[in-house]
Amino acid sequence: MKTDADSRVLHVSGAPIPGLFAAGRCTSGVCAGGYASGTSLGDGSFFGRRAGISAAQEAKSPDGIAMAQGAAAH
């Protein structure tokens, strides 16, 4: 699956799917060449935090679409 920098899952069209977030090894894959023990902890914690922030922003947004930090609504 493709995600953006705020952990929103993207539709094949490239638009974020409202309410759908993903984080961790399956979305960022820092070590694409193979598994490196411990690396997945960074993927999960960094993108998990971003996903949580984005989900909270989306929940507060009147149109139900998360706003990127400092950007206009989609």
N, C-alpha and C. Protein backbone atom coordinates (compact mmCIF):
# COMPACT_ATOMS: atom_id res chain seq x y z
N MET A 1 0.84 -1.17 0.00
CA MET A 1 0.00 0.00 0.00
C MET A 1 0.88 1.23 0.00
N LYS A 2 0.38 2.28 -0.58
CA LYS A 2 1.10 3.55 -0.59
C LYS A 2 0.53 4.46 0.47
N THR A 3 1.42 5.16 1.15
CA THR A 3 1.01 6.14 2.15
C THR A 3 1.72 7.45 1.87
N ASP A 4 1.19 8.53 2.43
CA ASP A 4 1.88 9.81 2.32
C ASP A 4 2.69 10.04 3.60
N ALA A 5 3.31 11.20 3.70
CA ALA A 5 4.18 11.51 4.85
C ALA A 5 3.41 11.58 6.17
N ASP A 6 2.08 11.73 6.09
CA ASP A 6 1.26 11.77 7.30
C ASP A 6 0.57 10.44 7.57
N SER A 7 1.04 9.38 6.93
CA SER A 7 0.57 8.00 7.13
C SER A 7 -0.84 7.74 6.63
N ARG A 8 -1.38 8.64 5.79
CA ARG A 8 -2.69 8.38 5.19
C ARG A 8 -2.50 7.39 4.05
N VAL A 9 -3.36 6.39 3.96
CA VAL A 9 -3.30 5.43 2.87
C VAL A 9 -3.87 6.10 1.62
N LEU A 10 -3.16 5.93 0.51
CA LEU A 10 -3.55 6.58 -0.74
C LEU A 10 -4.29 5.62 -1.66
N HIS A 11 -5.32 6.13 -2.28
CA HIS A 11 -6.07 5.40 -3.30
C HIS A 11 -5.17 5.30 -4.54
N VAL A 12 -5.49 4.42 -5.46
CA VAL A 12 -4.68 4.29 -6.68
C VAL A 12 -4.64 5.60 -7.47
N SER A 13 -5.62 6.46 -7.26
CA SER A 13 -5.63 7.77 -7.92
C SER A 13 -4.62 8.73 -7.29
N GLY A 14 -4.12 8.37 -6.10
CA GLY A 14 -3.18 9.23 -5.38
C GLY A 14 -3.81 10.06 -4.29
N ALA A 15 -5.13 10.07 -4.21
CA ALA A 15 -5.84 10.83 -3.17
C ALA A 15 -5.88 10.03 -1.87
N PRO A 16 -5.78 10.72 -0.72
CA PRO A 16 -5.88 10.00 0.55
C PRO A 16 -7.28 9.42 0.75
N ILE A 17 -7.35 8.22 1.32
CA ILE A 17 -8.63 7.59 1.63
C ILE A 17 -9.03 8.07 3.03
N PRO A 18 -10.13 8.82 3.14
CA PRO A 18 -10.52 9.37 4.44
C PRO A 18 -10.66 8.29 5.51
N GLY A 19 -10.03 8.54 6.66
CA GLY A 19 -10.15 7.65 7.81
C GLY A 19 -9.25 6.43 7.78
N LEU A 20 -8.42 6.27 6.75
CA LEU A 20 -7.57 5.09 6.66
C LEU A 20 -6.10 5.49 6.78
N PHE A 21 -5.47 4.99 7.83
CA PHE A 21 -4.07 5.30 8.12
C PHE A 21 -3.31 3.99 8.30
N ALA A 22 -2.02 4.01 8.02
CA ALA A 22 -1.19 2.82 8.21
C ALA A 22 0.19 3.26 8.65
N ALA A 23 0.83 2.43 9.46
CA ALA A 23 2.16 2.76 9.95
C ALA A 23 2.95 1.48 10.16
N GLY A 24 4.25 1.61 10.16
CA GLY A 24 5.10 0.47 10.45
C GLY A 24 5.86 -0.04 9.24
N ARG A 25 6.41 -1.19 9.39
CA ARG A 25 7.29 -1.80 8.40
C ARG A 25 6.66 -1.92 7.02
N CYS A 26 5.38 -2.27 6.95
CA CYS A 26 4.74 -2.50 5.65
C CYS A 26 4.52 -1.21 4.87
N THR A 27 4.63 -0.06 5.52
CA THR A 27 4.36 1.19 4.82
C THR A 27 5.61 2.00 4.51
N SER A 28 6.63 1.92 5.33
CA SER A 28 7.79 2.76 5.10
C SER A 28 8.99 1.99 4.57
N GLY A 29 9.24 0.82 5.11
CA GLY A 29 10.30 -0.03 4.60
C GLY A 29 11.66 0.62 4.46
N VAL A 30 12.19 1.15 5.56
CA VAL A 30 13.49 1.81 5.52
C VAL A 30 14.58 0.88 4.99
N CYS A 31 14.54 -0.38 5.38
CA CYS A 31 15.53 -1.37 4.91
C CYS A 31 14.90 -2.23 3.83
N ALA A 32 14.81 -1.71 2.63
CA ALA A 32 14.12 -2.41 1.55
C ALA A 32 14.84 -3.68 1.12
N GLY A 33 16.15 -3.78 1.34
CA GLY A 33 16.91 -4.94 0.90
C GLY A 33 16.75 -6.18 1.76
N GLY A 34 16.15 -6.05 2.90
CA GLY A 34 15.96 -7.19 3.80
C GLY A 34 15.71 -6.72 5.21
N TYR A 35 15.44 -7.66 6.08
CA TYR A 35 15.11 -7.32 7.47
C TYR A 35 16.37 -7.03 8.26
N ALA A 36 16.36 -5.95 8.98
CA ALA A 36 17.45 -5.60 9.89
C ALA A 36 16.83 -5.46 11.28
N SER A 37 17.20 -6.34 12.19
CA SER A 37 16.62 -6.38 13.52
C SER A 37 16.63 -5.01 14.18
N GLY A 38 15.49 -4.60 14.70
CA GLY A 38 15.37 -3.34 15.41
C GLY A 38 14.95 -2.17 14.53
N THR A 39 15.18 -2.26 13.24
CA THR A 39 14.84 -1.15 12.35
C THR A 39 13.34 -0.91 12.32
N SER A 40 12.56 -1.97 12.42
CA SER A 40 11.11 -1.83 12.37
C SER A 40 10.56 -1.02 13.54
N LEU A 41 11.28 -0.96 14.64
CA LEU A 41 10.83 -0.16 15.79
C LEU A 41 10.77 1.31 15.41
N GLY A 42 11.75 1.77 14.66
CA GLY A 42 11.74 3.16 14.20
C GLY A 42 10.61 3.43 13.24
N ASP A 43 10.41 2.51 12.29
CA ASP A 43 9.31 2.66 11.33
C ASP A 43 7.98 2.80 12.05
N GLY A 44 7.74 1.90 13.00
CA GLY A 44 6.46 1.89 13.70
C GLY A 44 6.26 3.09 14.59
N SER A 45 7.29 3.48 15.33
CA SER A 45 7.12 4.59 16.26
C SER A 45 7.03 5.93 15.54
N PHE A 46 7.87 6.15 14.53
CA PHE A 46 7.84 7.43 13.82
C PHE A 46 6.54 7.59 13.04
N PHE A 47 6.23 6.61 12.19
CA PHE A 47 5.03 6.73 11.36
C PHE A 47 3.76 6.49 12.17
N GLY A 48 3.84 5.74 13.25
CA GLY A 48 2.69 5.57 14.14
C GLY A 48 2.29 6.89 14.78
N ARG A 49 3.29 7.66 15.19
CA ARG A 49 3.02 8.97 15.78
C ARG A 49 2.40 9.90 14.73
N ARG A 50 2.96 9.90 13.53
CA ARG A 50 2.40 10.74 12.46
C ARG A 50 0.97 10.31 12.13
N ALA A 51 0.72 9.01 12.12
CA ALA A 51 -0.64 8.52 11.83
C ALA A 51 -1.61 8.99 12.91
N GLY A 52 -1.18 8.93 14.17
CA GLY A 52 -2.04 9.37 15.27
C GLY A 52 -2.37 10.85 15.20
N ILE A 53 -1.36 11.65 14.88
CA ILE A 53 -1.57 13.10 14.74
C ILE A 53 -2.52 13.37 13.58
N SER A 54 -2.31 12.72 12.46
CA SER A 54 -3.17 12.91 11.29
C SER A 54 -4.60 12.48 11.57
N ALA A 55 -4.77 11.34 12.24
CA ALA A 55 -6.11 10.85 12.57
C ALA A 55 -6.83 11.83 13.50
N ALA A 56 -6.10 12.38 14.46
CA ALA A 56 -6.71 13.36 15.38
C ALA A 56 -7.13 14.62 14.63
N GLN A 57 -6.29 15.08 13.70
CA GLN A 57 -6.64 16.25 12.90
C GLN A 57 -7.86 15.98 12.04
N GLU A 58 -7.92 14.78 11.45
CA GLU A 58 -9.06 14.42 10.61
C GLU A 58 -10.33 14.36 11.43
N ALA A 59 -10.25 13.83 12.64
CA ALA A 59 -11.42 13.74 13.50
C ALA A 59 -11.95 15.12 13.88
N LYS A 60 -11.07 16.10 13.99
CA LYS A 60 -11.46 17.46 14.35
C LYS A 60 -11.88 18.29 13.15
N SER A 61 -11.50 17.86 11.95
CA SER A 61 -11.76 18.63 10.74
C SER A 61 -13.24 18.60 10.37
N PRO A 62 -13.82 19.76 10.04
CA PRO A 62 -15.24 19.79 9.70
C PRO A 62 -15.58 19.00 8.44
N ASP A 63 -14.64 18.88 7.50
CA ASP A 63 -14.93 18.15 6.27
C ASP A 63 -14.47 16.70 6.33
N GLY A 64 -13.87 16.28 7.46
CA GLY A 64 -13.48 14.90 7.63
C GLY A 64 -12.21 14.50 6.90
N ILE A 65 -11.48 15.47 6.39
CA ILE A 65 -10.22 15.18 5.70
C ILE A 65 -9.10 15.86 6.46
N ALA A 66 -8.08 15.08 6.82
CA ALA A 66 -6.96 15.62 7.58
C ALA A 66 -6.24 16.69 6.79
N MET A 67 -5.78 17.71 7.47
CA MET A 67 -4.99 18.75 6.84
C MET A 67 -3.53 18.46 7.09
N ALA A 68 -2.72 18.54 6.05
CA ALA A 68 -1.27 18.40 6.22
C ALA A 68 -0.80 19.59 7.05
N GLN A 69 0.25 19.38 7.81
CA GLN A 69 0.75 20.44 8.67
C GLN A 69 1.14 21.64 7.82
N GLY A 70 0.45 22.77 8.06
CA GLY A 70 0.76 24.00 7.36
C GLY A 70 0.20 24.07 5.95
N ALA A 71 -0.58 23.10 5.50
CA ALA A 71 -1.12 23.11 4.14
C ALA A 71 -2.63 23.30 4.18
N ALA A 72 -3.20 23.65 3.06
CA ALA A 72 -4.63 23.83 2.96
C ALA A 72 -5.33 22.48 2.89
N ALA A 73 -6.63 22.47 3.18
CA ALA A 73 -7.41 21.22 3.12
C ALA A 73 -7.49 20.72 1.68
N HIS A 74 -7.63 19.40 1.55
CA HIS A 74 -7.73 18.78 0.22
C HIS A 74 -9.10 18.96 -0.35
